[in-house]
Amino acid sequence: MTHYYNQYLVLKQESIQIIDNYANKFLELRRKVDPNNNIPVIHMILKFVQRLLFQLMIITYISNLADVQTAINTAKRLEGLSFAT
């Protein structure tokens, strides 16, 4: 469990990683570190969003996020957009 928790703590979306890959890994590790769903939903949403690429993080964060799947869907919709840096 400690091994998975450490992976969960350092997981973030890499610059060339698509949302699907990041989200799948996030959900896989979340199930391993919290198999009984004891971690509050808001905490899981924030952990997912805070580890997105910066441009995606900001816009996803200000969206109305009810759960982690909504955060994933929002980030996926934004993924194809171009952002000025």
N, C-alpha and C. Protein backbone atom coordinates (compact mmCIF):
# COMPACT_ATOMS: atom_id res chain seq x y z
N MET A 1 0.82 -1.20 0.00
CA MET A 1 0.00 0.00 0.00
C MET A 1 0.86 1.26 0.00
N THR A 2 1.95 1.28 0.77
CA THR A 2 2.82 2.45 0.81
C THR A 2 3.39 2.76 -0.56
N HIS A 3 3.75 1.73 -1.31
CA HIS A 3 4.27 1.90 -2.67
C HIS A 3 3.25 2.65 -3.54
N TYR A 4 2.00 2.22 -3.50
CA TYR A 4 0.95 2.86 -4.30
C TYR A 4 0.67 4.27 -3.81
N TYR A 5 0.70 4.46 -2.50
CA TYR A 5 0.45 5.79 -1.96
C TYR A 5 1.54 6.77 -2.41
N ASN A 6 2.77 6.33 -2.41
CA ASN A 6 3.87 7.18 -2.89
C ASN A 6 3.70 7.52 -4.36
N GLN A 7 3.28 6.55 -5.16
CA GLN A 7 3.01 6.81 -6.58
C GLN A 7 1.87 7.83 -6.72
N TYR A 8 0.85 7.65 -5.90
CA TYR A 8 -0.30 8.56 -5.92
C TYR A 8 0.13 9.99 -5.57
N LEU A 9 1.01 10.12 -4.59
CA LEU A 9 1.46 11.44 -4.16
C LEU A 9 2.24 12.20 -5.23
N VAL A 10 2.99 11.50 -6.05
CA VAL A 10 3.83 12.17 -7.04
C VAL A 10 3.23 12.18 -8.44
N LEU A 11 2.10 11.51 -8.61
CA LEU A 11 1.48 11.45 -9.94
C LEU A 11 1.06 12.84 -10.40
N LYS A 12 1.37 13.16 -11.64
CA LYS A 12 0.91 14.40 -12.27
C LYS A 12 0.86 14.17 -13.77
N GLN A 13 0.12 15.01 -14.45
CA GLN A 13 0.05 14.90 -15.90
C GLN A 13 1.36 15.42 -16.49
N GLU A 14 1.99 14.61 -17.29
CA GLU A 14 3.22 15.02 -17.96
C GLU A 14 2.86 15.83 -19.21
N SER A 15 3.78 16.62 -19.69
CA SER A 15 3.51 17.54 -20.79
C SER A 15 3.06 16.84 -22.07
N ILE A 16 3.47 15.60 -22.29
CA ILE A 16 3.08 14.89 -23.50
C ILE A 16 2.00 13.84 -23.23
N GLN A 17 1.48 13.81 -22.03
CA GLN A 17 0.52 12.79 -21.63
C GLN A 17 -0.91 13.28 -21.85
N ILE A 18 -1.73 12.45 -22.49
CA ILE A 18 -3.12 12.83 -22.70
C ILE A 18 -3.92 12.60 -21.41
N ILE A 19 -5.03 13.30 -21.31
CA ILE A 19 -5.87 13.23 -20.11
C ILE A 19 -6.29 11.80 -19.81
N ASP A 20 -6.68 11.05 -20.84
CA ASP A 20 -7.11 9.66 -20.61
C ASP A 20 -6.06 8.85 -19.86
N ASN A 21 -4.82 8.96 -20.27
CA ASN A 21 -3.75 8.19 -19.61
C ASN A 21 -3.55 8.65 -18.17
N TYR A 22 -3.51 9.95 -17.98
CA TYR A 22 -3.35 10.49 -16.63
C TYR A 22 -4.54 10.10 -15.75
N ALA A 23 -5.74 10.26 -16.27
CA ALA A 23 -6.95 9.95 -15.49
C ALA A 23 -7.02 8.47 -15.14
N ASN A 24 -6.69 7.61 -16.08
CA ASN A 24 -6.71 6.17 -15.81
C ASN A 24 -5.73 5.80 -14.70
N LYS A 25 -4.54 6.36 -14.75
CA LYS A 25 -3.54 6.08 -13.72
C LYS A 25 -3.99 6.66 -12.38
N PHE A 26 -4.55 7.86 -12.39
CA PHE A 26 -5.06 8.49 -11.17
C PHE A 26 -6.13 7.62 -10.53
N LEU A 27 -7.10 7.18 -11.33
CA LEU A 27 -8.19 6.36 -10.80
C LEU A 27 -7.71 5.01 -10.31
N GLU A 28 -6.76 4.43 -11.02
CA GLU A 28 -6.18 3.14 -10.60
C GLU A 28 -5.50 3.27 -9.24
N LEU A 29 -4.67 4.29 -9.09
CA LEU A 29 -3.98 4.49 -7.82
C LEU A 29 -4.94 4.89 -6.71
N ARG A 30 -5.96 5.68 -7.04
CA ARG A 30 -6.94 6.06 -6.04
C ARG A 30 -7.65 4.82 -5.48
N ARG A 31 -8.01 3.90 -6.35
CA ARG A 31 -8.66 2.66 -5.90
C ARG A 31 -7.74 1.84 -5.00
N LYS A 32 -6.45 1.89 -5.27
CA LYS A 32 -5.51 1.11 -4.47
C LYS A 32 -5.23 1.76 -3.11
N VAL A 33 -5.19 3.08 -3.06
CA VAL A 33 -4.90 3.74 -1.78
C VAL A 33 -6.16 3.99 -0.96
N ASP A 34 -7.32 3.94 -1.60
CA ASP A 34 -8.58 4.18 -0.89
C ASP A 34 -9.66 3.22 -1.40
N PRO A 35 -9.48 1.92 -1.17
CA PRO A 35 -10.42 0.93 -1.71
C PRO A 35 -11.84 1.05 -1.16
N ASN A 36 -12.00 1.66 0.00
CA ASN A 36 -13.33 1.80 0.61
C ASN A 36 -13.96 3.18 0.39
N ASN A 37 -13.34 3.98 -0.45
CA ASN A 37 -13.84 5.34 -0.76
C ASN A 37 -14.04 6.18 0.50
N ASN A 38 -13.05 6.19 1.36
CA ASN A 38 -13.11 6.98 2.59
C ASN A 38 -12.63 8.42 2.41
N ILE A 39 -11.85 8.67 1.36
CA ILE A 39 -11.34 10.02 1.12
C ILE A 39 -12.50 10.86 0.57
N PRO A 40 -12.73 12.05 1.12
CA PRO A 40 -13.83 12.90 0.65
C PRO A 40 -13.71 13.22 -0.85
N VAL A 41 -14.85 13.28 -1.51
CA VAL A 41 -14.90 13.54 -2.95
C VAL A 41 -14.17 14.82 -3.31
N ILE A 42 -14.38 15.89 -2.55
CA ILE A 42 -13.74 17.16 -2.85
C ILE A 42 -12.22 17.05 -2.82
N HIS A 43 -11.71 16.24 -1.91
CA HIS A 43 -10.26 16.02 -1.83
C HIS A 43 -9.76 15.32 -3.10
N MET A 44 -10.50 14.33 -3.57
CA MET A 44 -10.11 13.60 -4.77
C MET A 44 -10.15 14.52 -6.00
N ILE A 45 -11.18 15.35 -6.08
CA ILE A 45 -11.29 16.29 -7.20
C ILE A 45 -10.09 17.24 -7.20
N LEU A 46 -9.79 17.81 -6.04
CA LEU A 46 -8.67 18.75 -5.95
C LEU A 46 -7.35 18.08 -6.30
N LYS A 47 -7.12 16.86 -5.83
CA LYS A 47 -5.89 16.15 -6.15
C LYS A 47 -5.77 15.93 -7.65
N PHE A 48 -6.86 15.54 -8.29
CA PHE A 48 -6.83 15.32 -9.74
C PHE A 48 -6.54 16.62 -10.48
N VAL A 49 -7.28 17.67 -10.14
CA VAL A 49 -7.16 18.94 -10.86
C VAL A 49 -5.80 19.59 -10.62
N GLN A 50 -5.30 19.57 -9.40
CA GLN A 50 -4.02 20.21 -9.08
C GLN A 50 -2.85 19.59 -9.82
N ARG A 51 -3.01 18.40 -10.32
CA ARG A 51 -1.90 17.71 -10.99
C ARG A 51 -2.03 17.74 -12.51
N LEU A 52 -3.02 18.45 -13.01
CA LEU A 52 -3.15 18.64 -14.45
C LEU A 52 -2.09 19.62 -14.93
N LEU A 53 -1.86 19.66 -16.23
CA LEU A 53 -1.02 20.71 -16.79
C LEU A 53 -1.63 22.05 -16.40
N PHE A 54 -0.78 23.05 -16.19
CA PHE A 54 -1.22 24.33 -15.63
C PHE A 54 -2.40 24.93 -16.39
N GLN A 55 -2.32 24.97 -17.74
CA GLN A 55 -3.38 25.58 -18.54
C GLN A 55 -4.71 24.86 -18.32
N LEU A 56 -4.68 23.55 -18.22
CA LEU A 56 -5.89 22.77 -18.00
C LEU A 56 -6.37 22.90 -16.56
N MET A 57 -5.44 22.98 -15.64
CA MET A 57 -5.77 23.05 -14.23
C MET A 57 -6.63 24.27 -13.92
N ILE A 58 -6.23 25.42 -14.39
CA ILE A 58 -6.93 26.66 -14.07
C ILE A 58 -8.38 26.62 -14.55
N ILE A 59 -8.59 26.27 -15.80
CA ILE A 59 -9.94 26.28 -16.35
C ILE A 59 -10.78 25.16 -15.76
N THR A 60 -10.19 24.00 -15.56
CA THR A 60 -10.93 22.89 -14.95
C THR A 60 -11.31 23.23 -13.53
N TYR A 61 -10.41 23.87 -12.80
CA TYR A 61 -10.66 24.22 -11.39
C TYR A 61 -11.86 25.15 -11.23
N ILE A 62 -12.03 26.10 -12.14
CA ILE A 62 -13.12 27.06 -12.00
C ILE A 62 -14.46 26.52 -12.52
N SER A 63 -14.45 25.32 -13.07
CA SER A 63 -15.68 24.70 -13.55
C SER A 63 -16.47 24.14 -12.37
N ASN A 64 -17.71 23.87 -12.58
CA ASN A 64 -18.57 23.31 -11.53
C ASN A 64 -18.33 21.80 -11.47
N LEU A 65 -17.49 21.34 -10.56
CA LEU A 65 -17.09 19.94 -10.49
C LEU A 65 -17.80 19.23 -9.35
N ALA A 66 -18.67 18.28 -9.70
CA ALA A 66 -19.42 17.54 -8.70
C ALA A 66 -18.68 16.30 -8.23
N ASP A 67 -17.83 15.77 -9.11
CA ASP A 67 -17.10 14.54 -8.78
C ASP A 67 -15.87 14.43 -9.68
N VAL A 68 -15.08 13.40 -9.44
CA VAL A 68 -13.83 13.22 -10.20
C VAL A 68 -14.13 12.99 -11.68
N GLN A 69 -15.18 12.23 -11.99
CA GLN A 69 -15.50 11.97 -13.40
C GLN A 69 -15.86 13.26 -14.13
N THR A 70 -16.55 14.16 -13.47
CA THR A 70 -16.86 15.46 -14.07
C THR A 70 -15.58 16.24 -14.33
N ALA A 71 -14.65 16.19 -13.41
CA ALA A 71 -13.35 16.86 -13.59
C ALA A 71 -12.61 16.25 -14.78
N ILE A 72 -12.63 14.94 -14.90
CA ILE A 72 -11.97 14.26 -16.01
C ILE A 72 -12.62 14.68 -17.34
N ASN A 73 -13.94 14.65 -17.38
CA ASN A 73 -14.65 15.01 -18.61
C ASN A 73 -14.39 16.46 -19.00
N THR A 74 -14.35 17.35 -18.03
CA THR A 74 -14.07 18.77 -18.29
C THR A 74 -12.66 18.93 -18.86
N ALA A 75 -11.69 18.30 -18.24
CA ALA A 75 -10.30 18.38 -18.72
C ALA A 75 -10.17 17.80 -20.12
N LYS A 76 -10.88 16.71 -20.40
CA LYS A 76 -10.82 16.09 -21.73
C LYS A 76 -11.39 17.03 -22.79
N ARG A 77 -12.47 17.75 -22.46
CA ARG A 77 -13.04 18.71 -23.42
C ARG A 77 -12.06 19.84 -23.70
N LEU A 78 -11.30 20.25 -22.68
CA LEU A 78 -10.37 21.36 -22.83
C LEU A 78 -9.05 20.95 -23.49
N GLU A 79 -8.77 19.68 -23.45
CA GLU A 79 -7.46 19.16 -23.89
C GLU A 79 -7.09 19.56 -25.31
N GLY A 80 -8.03 19.60 -26.21
CA GLY A 80 -7.73 19.90 -27.61
C GLY A 80 -7.61 21.38 -27.92
N LEU A 81 -7.92 22.23 -26.97
CA LEU A 81 -7.85 23.67 -27.20
C LEU A 81 -6.41 24.16 -27.15
N SER A 82 -6.15 25.23 -27.89
CA SER A 82 -4.83 25.85 -27.83
C SER A 82 -4.86 26.95 -26.79
N PHE A 83 -3.81 27.03 -26.01
CA PHE A 83 -3.72 28.07 -24.99
C PHE A 83 -2.52 28.94 -25.28
N ALA A 84 -2.72 30.24 -25.18
CA ALA A 84 -1.61 31.19 -25.35
C ALA A 84 -0.77 31.14 -24.08
N THR A 85 0.54 31.10 -24.24
CA THR A 85 1.42 31.08 -23.07
C THR A 85 2.24 32.33 -22.99
